[in-house]
């Protein structure tokens, strides 16, 4: 019996003994490795974690904070928020404009980096 068949039997046995969670994690690990090593988009994403995080975080901020503020109060000085403050408009906190610009910049940077990564592959 060769050493290769012995090692393959022991690895098969250890996967079977891991239980359902171990098999699930092994399956997910295999899928992740396939995505990052075998696909162009997956490889590009795995190289640009920072741009992906910025893209996702900027979108979460805009859709969860910026847009609801402007929908609730409008972009008008006459509609006051809590405690008489101006939540939006020229004298407001600027949450809508800041999150909108942040989202646009993060999206452009993410698209630019993905295009550059895909071209190099």
PDB file of N, CA and C in Angstrom:
ATOM      1  N   UNK A   1       0.845  -1.159   0.000  1.00  0.00           N
ATOM      2  CA  UNK A   1       0.000   0.000   0.000  1.00  0.00           C
ATOM      3  C   UNK A   1       0.898   1.231   0.000  1.00  0.00           C
ATOM      4  N   UNK A   2       0.609   2.210  -0.832  1.00  0.00           N
ATOM      5  CA  UNK A   2       1.453   3.398  -0.932  1.00  0.00           C
ATOM      6  C   UNK A   2       1.104   4.402   0.163  1.00  0.00           C
ATOM      7  N   UNK A   3       2.030   5.306   0.414  1.00  0.00           N
ATOM      8  CA  UNK A   3       1.811   6.320   1.456  1.00  0.00           C
ATOM      9  C   UNK A   3       0.730   7.308   1.031  1.00  0.00           C
ATOM     10  N   UNK A   4       0.552   7.481  -0.273  1.00  0.00           N
ATOM     11  CA  UNK A   4      -0.471   8.404  -0.765  1.00  0.00           C
ATOM     12  C   UNK A   4      -1.861   7.905  -0.419  1.00  0.00           C
ATOM     13  N   UNK A   5      -2.117   6.636  -0.577  1.00  0.00           N
ATOM     14  CA  UNK A   5      -3.443   6.103  -0.277  1.00  0.00           C
ATOM     15  C   UNK A   5      -3.709   6.121   1.228  1.00  0.00           C
ATOM     16  N   UNK A   6      -2.673   5.953   2.032  1.00  0.00           N
ATOM     17  CA  UNK A   6      -2.840   6.006   3.485  1.00  0.00           C
ATOM     18  C   UNK A   6      -3.199   7.423   3.911  1.00  0.00           C
ATOM     19  N   UNK A   7      -2.499   8.417   3.373  1.00  0.00           N
ATOM     20  CA  UNK A   7      -2.790   9.796   3.758  1.00  0.00           C
ATOM     21  C   UNK A   7      -4.175  10.222   3.271  1.00  0.00           C
ATOM     22  N   UNK A   8      -4.594   9.766   2.107  1.00  0.00           N
ATOM     23  CA  UNK A   8      -5.923  10.136   1.623  1.00  0.00           C
ATOM     24  C   UNK A   8      -7.006   9.469   2.459  1.00  0.00           C
ATOM     25  N   UNK A   9      -6.739   8.245   2.947  1.00  0.00           N
ATOM     26  CA  UNK A   9      -7.713   7.586   3.811  1.00  0.00           C
ATOM     27  C   UNK A   9      -7.827   8.301   5.148  1.00  0.00           C
ATOM     28  N   UNK A  10      -6.705   8.741   5.703  1.00  0.00           N
ATOM     29  CA  UNK A  10      -6.751   9.413   6.997  1.00  0.00           C
ATOM     30  C   UNK A  10      -7.420  10.779   6.884  1.00  0.00           C
ATOM     31  N   UNK A  11      -7.216  11.490   5.765  1.00  0.00           N
ATOM     32  CA  UNK A  11      -7.868  12.788   5.620  1.00  0.00           C
ATOM     33  C   UNK A  11      -9.363  12.621   5.396  1.00  0.00           C
ATOM     34  N   UNK A  12      -9.773  11.571   4.675  1.00  0.00           N
ATOM     35  CA  UNK A  12     -11.189  11.301   4.494  1.00  0.00           C
ATOM     36  C   UNK A  12     -11.834  10.936   5.808  1.00  0.00           C
ATOM     37  N   UNK A  13     -11.143  10.143   6.596  1.00  0.00           N
ATOM     38  CA  UNK A  13     -11.672   9.740   7.886  1.00  0.00           C
ATOM     39  C   UNK A  13     -11.795  10.935   8.818  1.00  0.00           C
ATOM     40  N   UNK A  14     -10.821  11.863   8.806  1.00  0.00           N
ATOM     41  CA  UNK A  14     -10.877  13.012   9.706  1.00  0.00           C
ATOM     42  C   UNK A  14     -12.007  13.960   9.310  1.00  0.00           C
ATOM     43  N   UNK A  15     -12.294  14.111   8.025  1.00  0.00           N
ATOM     44  CA  UNK A  15     -13.411  14.943   7.589  1.00  0.00           C
ATOM     45  C   UNK A  15     -14.719  14.314   8.021  1.00  0.00           C
ATOM     46  N   UNK A  16     -14.816  13.000   7.913  1.00  0.00           N
ATOM     47  CA  UNK A  16     -16.040  12.320   8.314  1.00  0.00           C
ATOM     48  C   UNK A  16     -16.241  12.401   9.818  1.00  0.00           C
ATOM     49  N   UNK A  17     -15.158  12.431  10.590  1.00  0.00           N
ATOM     50  CA  UNK A  17     -15.271  12.498  12.038  1.00  0.00           C
ATOM     51  C   UNK A  17     -15.496  13.925  12.547  1.00  0.00           C
ATOM     52  N   UNK A  18     -15.379  14.922  11.703  1.00  0.00           N
ATOM     53  CA  UNK A  18     -15.533  16.305  12.136  1.00  0.00           C
ATOM     54  C   UNK A  18     -16.971  16.647  12.511  1.00  0.00           C
ATOM     55  N   UNK A  19     -17.899  15.962  11.984  1.00  0.00           N
ATOM     56  CA  UNK A  19     -19.287  16.274  12.255  1.00  0.00           C
ATOM     57  C   UNK A  19     -19.834  17.251  11.230  1.00  0.00           C
ATOM     58  N   UNK A  20     -21.098  17.615  11.358  1.00  0.00           N
ATOM     59  CA  UNK A  20     -21.723  18.466  10.343  1.00  0.00           C
ATOM     60  C   UNK A  20     -21.122  19.870  10.276  1.00  0.00           C
ATOM     61  N   UNK A  21     -20.725  20.442  11.401  1.00  0.00           N
ATOM     62  CA  UNK A  21     -20.155  21.796  11.376  1.00  0.00           C
ATOM     63  C   UNK A  21     -18.792  21.785  10.711  1.00  0.00           C
ATOM     64  N   UNK A  22     -17.983  20.796  11.015  1.00  0.00           N
ATOM     65  CA  UNK A  22     -16.669  20.685  10.395  1.00  0.00           C
ATOM     66  C   UNK A  22     -16.765  20.482   8.893  1.00  0.00           C
ATOM     67  N   UNK A  23     -17.707  19.647   8.466  1.00  0.00           N
ATOM     68  CA  UNK A  23     -17.895  19.426   7.025  1.00  0.00           C
ATOM     69  C   UNK A  23     -18.398  20.701   6.356  1.00  0.00           C
ATOM     70  N   UNK A  24     -19.282  21.431   7.027  1.00  0.00           N
ATOM     71  CA  UNK A  24     -19.800  22.675   6.465  1.00  0.00           C
ATOM     72  C   UNK A  24     -18.672  23.699   6.311  1.00  0.00           C
ATOM     73  N   UNK A  25     -17.840  23.837   7.341  1.00  0.00           N
ATOM     74  CA  UNK A  25     -16.722  24.783   7.275  1.00  0.00           C
ATOM     75  C   UNK A  25     -15.731  24.383   6.195  1.00  0.00           C
ATOM     76  N   UNK A  26     -15.484  23.088   6.053  1.00  0.00           N
ATOM     77  CA  UNK A  26     -14.579  22.607   5.003  1.00  0.00           C
ATOM     78  C   UNK A  26     -15.158  22.912   3.631  1.00  0.00           C
ATOM     79  N   UNK A  27     -16.459  22.766   3.488  1.00  0.00           N
ATOM     80  CA  UNK A  27     -17.115  23.075   2.218  1.00  0.00           C
ATOM     81  C   UNK A  27     -17.033  24.562   1.909  1.00  0.00           C
ATOM     82  N   UNK A  28     -17.269  25.399   2.916  1.00  0.00           N
ATOM     83  CA  UNK A  28     -17.180  26.847   2.721  1.00  0.00           C
ATOM     84  C   UNK A  28     -15.756  27.272   2.392  1.00  0.00           C
ATOM     85  N   UNK A  29     -14.784  26.672   3.070  1.00  0.00           N
ATOM     86  CA  UNK A  29     -13.382  26.982   2.807  1.00  0.00           C
ATOM     87  C   UNK A  29     -13.016  26.611   1.368  1.00  0.00           C
ATOM     88  N   UNK A  30     -13.504  25.463   0.915  1.00  0.00           N
ATOM     89  CA  UNK A  30     -13.239  25.041  -0.458  1.00  0.00           C
ATOM     90  C   UNK A  30     -13.889  25.977  -1.467  1.00  0.00           C
ATOM     91  N   UNK A  31     -15.106  26.421  -1.179  1.00  0.00           N
ATOM     92  CA  UNK A  31     -15.792  27.351  -2.082  1.00  0.00           C
ATOM     93  C   UNK A  31     -15.066  28.693  -2.138  1.00  0.00           C
ATOM     94  N   UNK A  32     -14.628  29.190  -0.975  1.00  0.00           N
ATOM     95  CA  UNK A  32     -13.893  30.453  -0.931  1.00  0.00           C
ATOM     96  C   UNK A  32     -12.583  30.346  -1.713  1.00  0.00           C
ATOM     97  N   UNK A  33     -11.847  29.262  -1.509  1.00  0.00           N
ATOM     98  CA  UNK A  33     -10.583  29.071  -2.229  1.00  0.00           C
ATOM     99  C   UNK A  33     -10.814  28.984  -3.725  1.00  0.00           C
ATOM    100  N   UNK A  34     -11.864  28.292  -4.137  1.00  0.00           N
ATOM    101  CA  UNK A  34     -12.175  28.199  -5.563  1.00  0.00           C
ATOM    102  C   UNK A  34     -12.496  29.582  -6.119  1.00  0.00           C
ATOM    103  N   UNK A  35     -13.307  30.352  -5.400  1.00  0.00           N
ATOM    104  CA  UNK A  35     -13.703  31.679  -5.870  1.00  0.00           C
ATOM    105  C   UNK A  35     -12.498  32.606  -6.010  1.00  0.00           C
ATOM    106  N   UNK A  36     -11.636  32.639  -4.999  1.00  0.00           N
ATOM    107  CA  UNK A  36     -10.505  33.565  -5.036  1.00  0.00           C
ATOM    108  C   UNK A  36      -9.391  33.114  -5.975  1.00  0.00           C
ATOM    109  N   UNK A  37      -9.249  31.814  -6.187  1.00  0.00           N
ATOM    110  CA  UNK A  37      -8.145  31.326  -7.021  1.00  0.00           C
ATOM    111  C   UNK A  37      -8.547  31.040  -8.461  1.00  0.00           C
ATOM    112  N   UNK A  38      -9.801  30.776  -8.714  1.00  0.00           N
ATOM    113  CA  UNK A  38     -10.218  30.334 -10.038  1.00  0.00           C
ATOM    114  C   UNK A  38     -11.018  31.366 -10.826  1.00  0.00           C
ATOM    115  N   UNK A  39     -11.535  32.416 -10.174  1.00  0.00           N
ATOM    116  CA  UNK A  39     -12.337  33.409 -10.891  1.00  0.00           C
ATOM    117  C   UNK A  39     -11.641  34.758 -10.865  1.00  0.00           C
ATOM    118  N   UNK A  40     -11.849  35.539 -11.905  1.00  0.00           N
ATOM    119  CA  UNK A  40     -11.226  36.859 -12.004  1.00  0.00           C
ATOM    120  C   UNK A  40     -11.824  37.808 -10.966  1.00  0.00           C
ATOM    121  N   UNK A  41     -13.136  37.844 -10.847  1.00  0.00           N
ATOM    122  CA  UNK A  41     -13.787  38.753  -9.895  1.00  0.00           C
ATOM    123  C   UNK A  41     -13.432  38.380  -8.459  1.00  0.00           C
ATOM    124  N   UNK A  42     -13.415  37.115  -8.154  1.00  0.00           N
ATOM    125  CA  UNK A  42     -13.055  36.676  -6.804  1.00  0.00           C
ATOM    126  C   UNK A  42     -11.625  37.020  -6.458  1.00  0.00           C
ATOM    127  N   UNK A  43     -10.734  36.866  -7.408  1.00  0.00           N
ATOM    128  CA  UNK A  43      -9.341  37.234  -7.187  1.00  0.00           C
ATOM    129  C   UNK A  43      -9.183  38.733  -6.974  1.00  0.00           C
ATOM    130  N   UNK A  44      -9.939  39.516  -7.733  1.00  0.00           N
ATOM    131  CA  UNK A  44      -9.875  40.972  -7.583  1.00  0.00           C
ATOM    132  C   UNK A  44     -10.409  41.387  -6.220  1.00  0.00           C
ATOM    133  N   UNK A  45     -11.506  40.784  -5.787  1.00  0.00           N
ATOM    134  CA  UNK A  45     -12.066  41.110  -4.473  1.00  0.00           C
ATOM    135  C   UNK A  45     -11.125  40.713  -3.347  1.00  0.00           C
ATOM    136  N   UNK A  46     -10.455  39.588  -3.495  1.00  0.00           N
ATOM    137  CA  UNK A  46      -9.550  39.146  -2.438  1.00  0.00           C
ATOM    138  C   UNK A  46      -8.312  40.030  -2.341  1.00  0.00           C
ATOM    139  N   UNK A  47      -7.987  40.765  -3.397  1.00  0.00           N
ATOM    140  CA  UNK A  47      -6.843  41.667  -3.372  1.00  0.00           C
ATOM    141  C   UNK A  47      -7.208  43.046  -2.832  1.00  0.00           C
ATOM    142  N   UNK A  48      -8.474  43.393  -2.828  1.00  0.00           N
ATOM    143  CA  UNK A  48      -8.912  44.745  -2.458  1.00  0.00           C
ATOM    144  C   UNK A  48      -9.923  44.719  -1.322  1.00  0.00           C
ATOM    145  N   UNK A  49      -9.544  44.137  -0.185  1.00  0.00           N
ATOM    146  CA  UNK A  49     -10.452  44.091   0.966  1.00  0.00           C
ATOM    147  C   UNK A  49     -10.789  45.492   1.480  1.00  0.00           C
ATOM    148  N   UNK A  50      -9.823  46.386   1.471  1.00  0.00           N
ATOM    149  CA  UNK A  50     -10.048  47.745   1.967  1.00  0.00           C
ATOM    150  C   UNK A  50     -11.075  48.488   1.144  1.00  0.00           C
ATOM    151  N   UNK A  51     -10.957  48.413  -0.178  1.00  0.00           N
ATOM    152  CA  UNK A  51     -11.912  49.082  -1.040  1.00  0.00           C
ATOM    153  C   UNK A  51     -13.302  48.468  -0.903  1.00  0.00           C
ATOM    154  N   UNK A  52     -13.362  47.150  -0.736  1.00  0.00           N
ATOM    155  CA  UNK A  52     -14.651  46.487  -0.540  1.00  0.00           C
ATOM    156  C   UNK A  52     -15.288  46.935   0.772  1.00  0.00           C
ATOM    157  N   UNK A  53     -14.508  46.991   1.845  1.00  0.00           N
ATOM    158  CA  UNK A  53     -15.034  47.440   3.134  1.00  0.00           C
ATOM    159  C   UNK A  53     -15.529  48.881   3.038  1.00  0.00           C
ATOM    160  N   UNK A  54     -14.748  49.775   2.435  1.00  0.00           N
ATOM    161  CA  UNK A  54     -15.164  51.172   2.288  1.00  0.00           C
ATOM    162  C   UNK A  54     -16.445  51.290   1.480  1.00  0.00           C
ATOM    163  N   UNK A  55     -16.537  50.526   0.404  1.00  0.00           N
ATOM    164  CA  UNK A  55     -17.731  50.527  -0.442  1.00  0.00           C
ATOM    165  C   UNK A  55     -18.963  50.093   0.352  1.00  0.00           C
ATOM    166  N   UNK A  56     -18.856  48.985   1.057  1.00  0.00           N
ATOM    167  CA  UNK A  56     -20.001  48.474   1.818  1.00  0.00           C
ATOM    168  C   UNK A  56     -20.362  49.398   2.976  1.00  0.00           C
ATOM    169  N   UNK A  57     -19.371  49.892   3.711  1.00  0.00           N
ATOM    170  CA  UNK A  57     -19.628  50.757   4.857  1.00  0.00           C
ATOM    171  C   UNK A  57     -20.237  52.086   4.425  1.00  0.00           C
ATOM    172  N   UNK A  58     -19.761  52.665   3.325  1.00  0.00           N
ATOM    173  CA  UNK A  58     -20.317  53.930   2.825  1.00  0.00           C
ATOM    174  C   UNK A  58     -21.764  53.756   2.402  1.00  0.00           C
ATOM    175  N   UNK A  59     -22.070  52.638   1.757  1.00  0.00           N
ATOM    176  CA  UNK A  59     -23.460  52.393   1.358  1.00  0.00           C
ATOM    177  C   UNK A  59     -24.356  52.185   2.576  1.00  0.00           C
ATOM    178  N   UNK A  60     -23.866  51.466   3.571  1.00  0.00           N
ATOM    179  CA  UNK A  60     -24.667  51.274   4.794  1.00  0.00           C
ATOM    180  C   UNK A  60     -24.935  52.614   5.462  1.00  0.00           C
ATOM    181  N   UNK A  61     -23.921  53.472   5.568  1.00  0.00           N
ATOM    182  CA  UNK A  61     -24.121  54.783   6.179  1.00  0.00           C
ATOM    183  C   UNK A  61     -25.150  55.608   5.423  1.00  0.00           C
ATOM    184  N   UNK A  62     -25.043  55.649   4.110  1.00  0.00           N
ATOM    185  CA  UNK A  62     -25.979  56.458   3.328  1.00  0.00           C
ATOM    186  C   UNK A  62     -27.400  55.931   3.432  1.00  0.00           C
ATOM    187  N   UNK A  63     -27.585  54.632   3.217  1.00  0.00           N
ATOM    188  CA  UNK A  63     -28.938  54.082   3.195  1.00  0.00           C
ATOM    189  C   UNK A  63     -29.556  53.992   4.582  1.00  0.00           C
ATOM    190  N   UNK A  64     -28.745  53.891   5.641  1.00  0.00           N
ATOM    191  CA  UNK A  64     -29.289  53.766   6.998  1.00  0.00           C
ATOM    192  C   UNK A  64     -29.412  55.105   7.722  1.00  0.00           C
ATOM    193  N   UNK A  65     -28.565  56.084   7.389  1.00  0.00           N
ATOM    194  CA  UNK A  65     -28.580  57.344   8.127  1.00  0.00           C
ATOM    195  C   UNK A  65     -28.901  58.538   7.227  1.00  0.00           C
ATOM    196  N   UNK A  66     -28.180  58.692   6.138  1.00  0.00           N
ATOM    197  CA  UNK A  66     -28.327  59.876   5.289  1.00  0.00           C
ATOM    198  C   UNK A  66     -29.682  59.998   4.615  1.00  0.00           C
ATOM    199  N   UNK A  67     -30.093  58.963   3.921  1.00  0.00           N
ATOM    200  CA  UNK A  67     -31.359  59.018   3.191  1.00  0.00           C
ATOM    201  C   UNK A  67     -32.572  59.103   4.120  1.00  0.00           C
ATOM    202  N   UNK A  68     -32.662  58.320   5.205  1.00  0.00           N
ATOM    203  CA  UNK A  68     -33.815  58.483   6.106  1.00  0.00           C
ATOM    204  C   UNK A  68     -33.916  59.884   6.720  1.00  0.00           C
ATOM    205  N   UNK A  69     -32.775  60.529   6.989  1.00  0.00           N
ATOM    206  CA  UNK A  69     -32.806  61.884   7.551  1.00  0.00           C
ATOM    207  C   UNK A  69     -33.421  62.858   6.570  1.00  0.00           C
ATOM    208  N   UNK A  70     -33.022  62.788   5.324  1.00  0.00           N
ATOM    209  CA  UNK A  70     -33.559  63.726   4.338  1.00  0.00           C
ATOM    210  C   UNK A  70     -35.013  63.382   3.992  1.00  0.00           C
ATOM    211  N   UNK A  71     -35.394  62.116   4.066  1.00  0.00           N
ATOM    212  CA  UNK A  71     -36.790  61.762   3.818  1.00  0.00           C
ATOM    213  C   UNK A  71     -37.692  62.214   4.961  1.00  0.00           C
ATOM    214  N   UNK A  72     -37.196  62.137   6.194  1.00  0.00           N
ATOM    215  CA  UNK A  72     -37.998  62.548   7.351  1.00  0.00           C
ATOM    216  C   UNK A  72     -38.130  64.066   7.466  1.00  0.00           C
ATOM    217  N   UNK A  73     -37.028  64.774   7.214  1.00  0.00           N
ATOM    218  CA  UNK A  73     -37.002  66.212   7.483  1.00  0.00           C
ATOM    219  C   UNK A  73     -36.878  67.056   6.219  1.00  0.00           C
ATOM    220  N   UNK A  74     -36.609  66.447   5.100  1.00  0.00           N
ATOM    221  CA  UNK A  74     -36.390  67.209   3.876  1.00  0.00           C
ATOM    222  C   UNK A  74     -35.072  67.954   3.935  1.00  0.00           C
ATOM    223  N   UNK A  75     -34.764  68.633   2.874  1.00  0.00           N
ATOM    224  CA  UNK A  75     -33.550  69.451   2.860  1.00  0.00           C
ATOM    225  C   UNK A  75     -33.995  70.904   2.912  1.00  0.00           C
ATOM    226  N   UNK A  76     -34.673  71.252   4.009  1.00  0.00           N
ATOM    227  CA  UNK A  76     -35.287  72.565   4.155  1.00  0.00           C
ATOM    228  C   UNK A  76     -35.018  73.083   5.562  1.00  0.00           C
ATOM    229  N   UNK A  77     -34.751  74.365   5.679  1.00  0.00           N
ATOM    230  CA  UNK A  77     -34.437  74.963   6.975  1.00  0.00           C
ATOM    231  C   UNK A  77     -35.649  75.062   7.899  1.00  0.00           C
ATOM    232  N   UNK A  78     -36.857  75.074   7.356  1.00  0.00           N
ATOM    233  CA  UNK A  78     -38.047  75.334   8.169  1.00  0.00           C
ATOM    234  C   UNK A  78     -38.514  74.115   8.968  1.00  0.00           C
ATOM    235  N   UNK A  79     -38.045  72.936   8.672  1.00  0.00           N
ATOM    236  CA  UNK A  79     -38.481  71.720   9.377  1.00  0.00           C
ATOM    237  C   UNK A  79     -37.461  71.380  10.441  1.00  0.00           C
ATOM    238  N   UNK A  80     -37.839  71.575  11.683  1.00  0.00           N
ATOM    239  CA  UNK A  80     -36.921  71.340  12.793  1.00  0.00           C
ATOM    240  C   UNK A  80     -36.975  69.901  13.257  1.00  0.00           C
ATOM    241  N   UNK A  81     -35.845  69.443  13.753  1.00  0.00           N
ATOM    242  CA  UNK A  81     -35.757  68.093  14.289  1.00  0.00           C
ATOM    243  C   UNK A  81     -35.941  68.101  15.795  1.00  0.00           C
ATOM    244  N   UNK A  82     -35.372  67.134  16.447  1.00  0.00           N
ATOM    245  CA  UNK A  82     -35.450  67.026  17.906  1.00  0.00           C
ATOM    246  C   UNK A  82     -34.770  68.226  18.563  1.00  0.00           C
ATOM    247  N   UNK A  83     -35.350  68.711  19.651  1.00  0.00           N
ATOM    248  CA  UNK A  83     -34.806  69.815  20.444  1.00  0.00           C
ATOM    249  C   UNK A  83     -34.635  71.101  19.640  1.00  0.00           C
ATOM    250  N   UNK A  84     -35.426  71.291  18.595  1.00  0.00           N
ATOM    251  CA  UNK A  84     -35.362  72.516  17.811  1.00  0.00           C
ATOM    252  C   UNK A  84     -34.159  72.634  16.906  1.00  0.00           C
ATOM    253  N   UNK A  85     -33.379  71.577  16.755  1.00  0.00           N
ATOM    254  CA  UNK A  85     -32.191  71.626  15.896  1.00  0.00           C
ATOM    255  C   UNK A  85     -32.594  71.475  14.432  1.00  0.00           C
ATOM    256  N   UNK A  86     -31.697  71.847  13.552  1.00  0.00           N
ATOM    257  CA  UNK A  86     -31.931  71.719  12.118  1.00  0.00           C
ATOM    258  C   UNK A  86     -31.222  70.462  11.641  1.00  0.00           C
ATOM    259  N   UNK A  87     -31.965  69.383  11.344  1.00  0.00           N
ATOM    260  CA  UNK A  87     -31.314  68.133  10.970  1.00  0.00           C
ATOM    261  C   UNK A  87     -30.771  68.114   9.552  1.00  0.00           C
ATOM    262  N   UNK A  88     -31.269  69.007   8.706  1.00  0.00           N
ATOM    263  CA  UNK A  88     -30.856  68.990   7.317  1.00  0.00           C
ATOM    264  C   UNK A  88     -30.886  70.409   6.791  1.00  0.00           C
ATOM    265  N   UNK A  89     -30.359  70.627   5.621  1.00  0.00           N
ATOM    266  CA  UNK A  89     -30.342  71.958   5.031  1.00  0.00           C
ATOM    267  C   UNK A  89     -28.985  72.608   5.187  1.00  0.00           C
ATOM    268  N   UNK A  90     -28.902  73.894   4.829  1.00  0.00           N
ATOM    269  CA  UNK A  90     -27.620  74.611   4.860  1.00  0.00           C
ATOM    270  C   UNK A  90     -27.048  74.734   6.264  1.00  0.00           C
ATOM    271  N   UNK A  91     -27.896  74.878   7.285  1.00  0.00           N
ATOM    272  CA  UNK A  91     -27.419  75.027   8.660  1.00  0.00           C
ATOM    273  C   UNK A  91     -27.507  73.726   9.447  1.00  0.00           C
ATOM    274  N   UNK A  92     -27.814  72.649   8.789  1.00  0.00           N
ATOM    275  CA  UNK A  92     -27.962  71.366   9.462  1.00  0.00           C
ATOM    276  C   UNK A  92     -26.640  70.644   9.629  1.00  0.00           C
ATOM    277  N   UNK A  93     -26.732  69.402  10.068  1.00  0.00           N
ATOM    278  CA  UNK A  93     -25.530  68.614  10.332  1.00  0.00           C
ATOM    279  C   UNK A  93     -24.822  68.184   9.055  1.00  0.00           C
ATOM    280  N   UNK A  94     -25.526  68.155   7.957  1.00  0.00           N
ATOM    281  CA  UNK A  94     -24.923  67.759   6.684  1.00  0.00           C
ATOM    282  C   UNK A  94     -24.833  66.269   6.486  1.00  0.00           C
ATOM    283  N   UNK A  95     -25.600  65.519   7.278  1.00  0.00           N
ATOM    284  CA  UNK A  95     -25.497  64.062   7.211  1.00  0.00           C
ATOM    285  C   UNK A  95     -25.858  63.537   5.819  1.00  0.00           C
ATOM    286  N   UNK A  96     -26.828  64.139   5.168  1.00  0.00           N
ATOM    287  CA  UNK A  96     -27.218  63.651   3.842  1.00  0.00           C
ATOM    288  C   UNK A  96     -26.115  63.897   2.820  1.00  0.00           C
ATOM    289  N   UNK A  97     -25.623  65.123   2.764  1.00  0.00           N
ATOM    290  CA  UNK A  97     -24.600  65.471   1.766  1.00  0.00           C
ATOM    291  C   UNK A  97     -23.304  64.701   2.026  1.00  0.00           C
ATOM    292  N   UNK A  98     -22.884  64.638   3.277  1.00  0.00           N
ATOM    293  CA  UNK A  98     -21.624  63.953   3.607  1.00  0.00           C
ATOM    294  C   UNK A  98     -21.704  62.470   3.264  1.00  0.00           C
ATOM    295  N   UNK A  99     -22.798  61.807   3.648  1.00  0.00           N
ATOM    296  CA  UNK A  99     -22.907  60.373   3.349  1.00  0.00           C
ATOM    297  C   UNK A  99     -23.087  60.128   1.856  1.00  0.00           C
ATOM    298  N   UNK A 100     -23.755  61.042   1.159  1.00  0.00           N
ATOM    299  CA  UNK A 100     -23.911  60.898  -0.291  1.00  0.00           C
ATOM    300  C   UNK A 100     -22.561  61.006  -0.996  1.00  0.00           C
ATOM    301  N   UNK A 101     -21.783  62.023  -0.646  1.00  0.00           N
ATOM    302  CA  UNK A 101     -20.452  62.200  -1.268  1.00  0.00           C
ATOM    303  C   UNK A 101     -19.550  61.029  -0.910  1.00  0.00           C
ATOM    304  N   UNK A 102     -19.590  60.590   0.355  1.00  0.00           N
ATOM    305  CA  UNK A 102     -18.794  59.442   0.775  1.00  0.00           C
ATOM    306  C   UNK A 102     -19.154  58.195  -0.033  1.00  0.00           C
ATOM    307  N   UNK A 103     -20.446  57.962  -0.231  1.00  0.00           N
ATOM    308  CA  UNK A 103     -20.892  56.796  -0.992  1.00  0.00           C
ATOM    309  C   UNK A 103     -20.431  56.877  -2.454  1.00  0.00           C
ATOM    310  N   UNK A 104     -20.556  58.059  -3.047  1.00  0.00           N
ATOM    311  CA  UNK A 104     -20.157  58.223  -4.450  1.00  0.00           C
ATOM    312  C   UNK A 104     -18.651  58.012  -4.609  1.00  0.00           C
ATOM    313  N   UNK A 105     -17.857  58.615  -3.734  1.00  0.00           N
ATOM    314  CA  UNK A 105     -16.394  58.469  -3.819  1.00  0.00           C
ATOM    315  C   UNK A 105     -15.981  57.014  -3.591  1.00  0.00           C
ATOM    316  N   UNK A 106     -16.546  56.374  -2.573  1.00  0.00           N
ATOM    317  CA  UNK A 106     -16.204  54.978  -2.291  1.00  0.00           C
ATOM    318  C   UNK A 106     -16.595  54.066  -3.449  1.00  0.00           C
ATOM    319  N   UNK A 107     -17.738  54.348  -4.086  1.00  0.00           N
ATOM    320  CA  UNK A 107     -18.180  53.542  -5.227  1.00  0.00           C
ATOM    321  C   UNK A 107     -17.232  53.703  -6.406  1.00  0.00           C
ATOM    322  N   UNK A 108     -16.836  54.954  -6.709  1.00  0.00           N
ATOM    323  CA  UNK A 108     -15.906  55.169  -7.822  1.00  0.00           C
ATOM    324  C   UNK A 108     -14.550  54.506  -7.554  1.00  0.00           C
ATOM    325  N   UNK A 109     -14.047  54.633  -6.336  1.00  0.00           N
ATOM    326  CA  UNK A 109     -12.763  54.009  -6.003  1.00  0.00           C
ATOM    327  C   UNK A 109     -12.860  52.491  -6.121  1.00  0.00           C
ATOM    328  N   UNK A 110     -13.952  51.917  -5.616  1.00  0.00           N
ATOM    329  CA  UNK A 110     -14.145  50.470  -5.690  1.00  0.00           C
ATOM    330  C   UNK A 110     -14.198  50.004  -7.147  1.00  0.00           C
ATOM    331  N   UNK A 111     -14.973  50.685  -7.972  1.00  0.00           N
ATOM    332  CA  UNK A 111     -15.087  50.297  -9.394  1.00  0.00           C
ATOM    333  C   UNK A 111     -13.735  50.440 -10.083  1.00  0.00           C
ATOM    334  N   UNK A 112     -13.027  51.535  -9.824  1.00  0.00           N
ATOM    335  CA  UNK A 112     -11.712  51.755 -10.427  1.00  0.00           C
ATOM    336  C   UNK A 112     -10.733  50.642 -10.035  1.00  0.00           C
ATOM    337  N   UNK A 113     -10.688  50.299  -8.751  1.00  0.00           N
ATOM    338  CA  UNK A 113      -9.771  49.249  -8.297  1.00  0.00           C
ATOM    339  C   UNK A 113     -10.148  47.880  -8.861  1.00  0.00           C
ATOM    340  N   UNK A 114     -11.430  47.598  -8.951  1.00  0.00           N
ATOM    341  CA  UNK A 114     -11.864  46.309  -9.508  1.00  0.00           C
ATOM    342  C   UNK A 114     -11.492  46.230 -10.998  1.00  0.00           C
ATOM    343  N   UNK A 115     -11.677  47.317 -11.716  1.00  0.00           N
ATOM    344  CA  UNK A 115     -11.317  47.314 -13.138  1.00  0.00           C
ATOM    345  C   UNK A 115      -9.808  47.120 -13.311  1.00  0.00           C
ATOM    346  N   UNK A 116      -9.015  47.777 -12.487  1.00  0.00           N
ATOM    347  CA  UNK A 116      -7.561  47.614 -12.563  1.00  0.00           C
ATOM    348  C   UNK A 116      -7.131  46.195 -12.198  1.00  0.00           C
ATOM    349  N   UNK A 117      -7.738  45.620 -11.175  1.00  0.00           N
ATOM    350  CA  UNK A 117      -7.398  44.247 -10.778  1.00  0.00           C
ATOM    351  C   UNK A 117      -7.781  43.263 -11.870  1.00  0.00           C
ATOM    352  N   UNK A 118      -8.934  43.462 -12.491  1.00  0.00           N
ATOM    353  CA  UNK A 118      -9.382  42.538 -13.536  1.00  0.00           C
ATOM    354  C   UNK A 118      -8.519  42.639 -14.785  1.00  0.00           C
ATOM    355  N   UNK A 119      -7.991  43.829 -15.065  1.00  0.00           N
ATOM    356  CA  UNK A 119      -7.112  43.992 -16.220  1.00  0.00           C
ATOM    357  C   UNK A 119      -5.771  43.303 -16.031  1.00  0.00           C
ATOM    358  N   UNK A 120      -5.285  43.243 -14.782  1.00  0.00           N
ATOM    359  CA  UNK A 120      -3.979  42.650 -14.545  1.00  0.00           C
ATOM    360  C   UNK A 120      -4.019  41.139 -14.557  1.00  0.00           C
ATOM    361  N   UNK A 121      -5.192  40.567 -14.427  1.00  0.00           N
ATOM    362  CA  UNK A 121      -5.310  39.106 -14.383  1.00  0.00           C
ATOM    363  C   UNK A 121      -5.315  38.529 -15.762  1.00  0.00           C
TER     364      UNK A 121
END
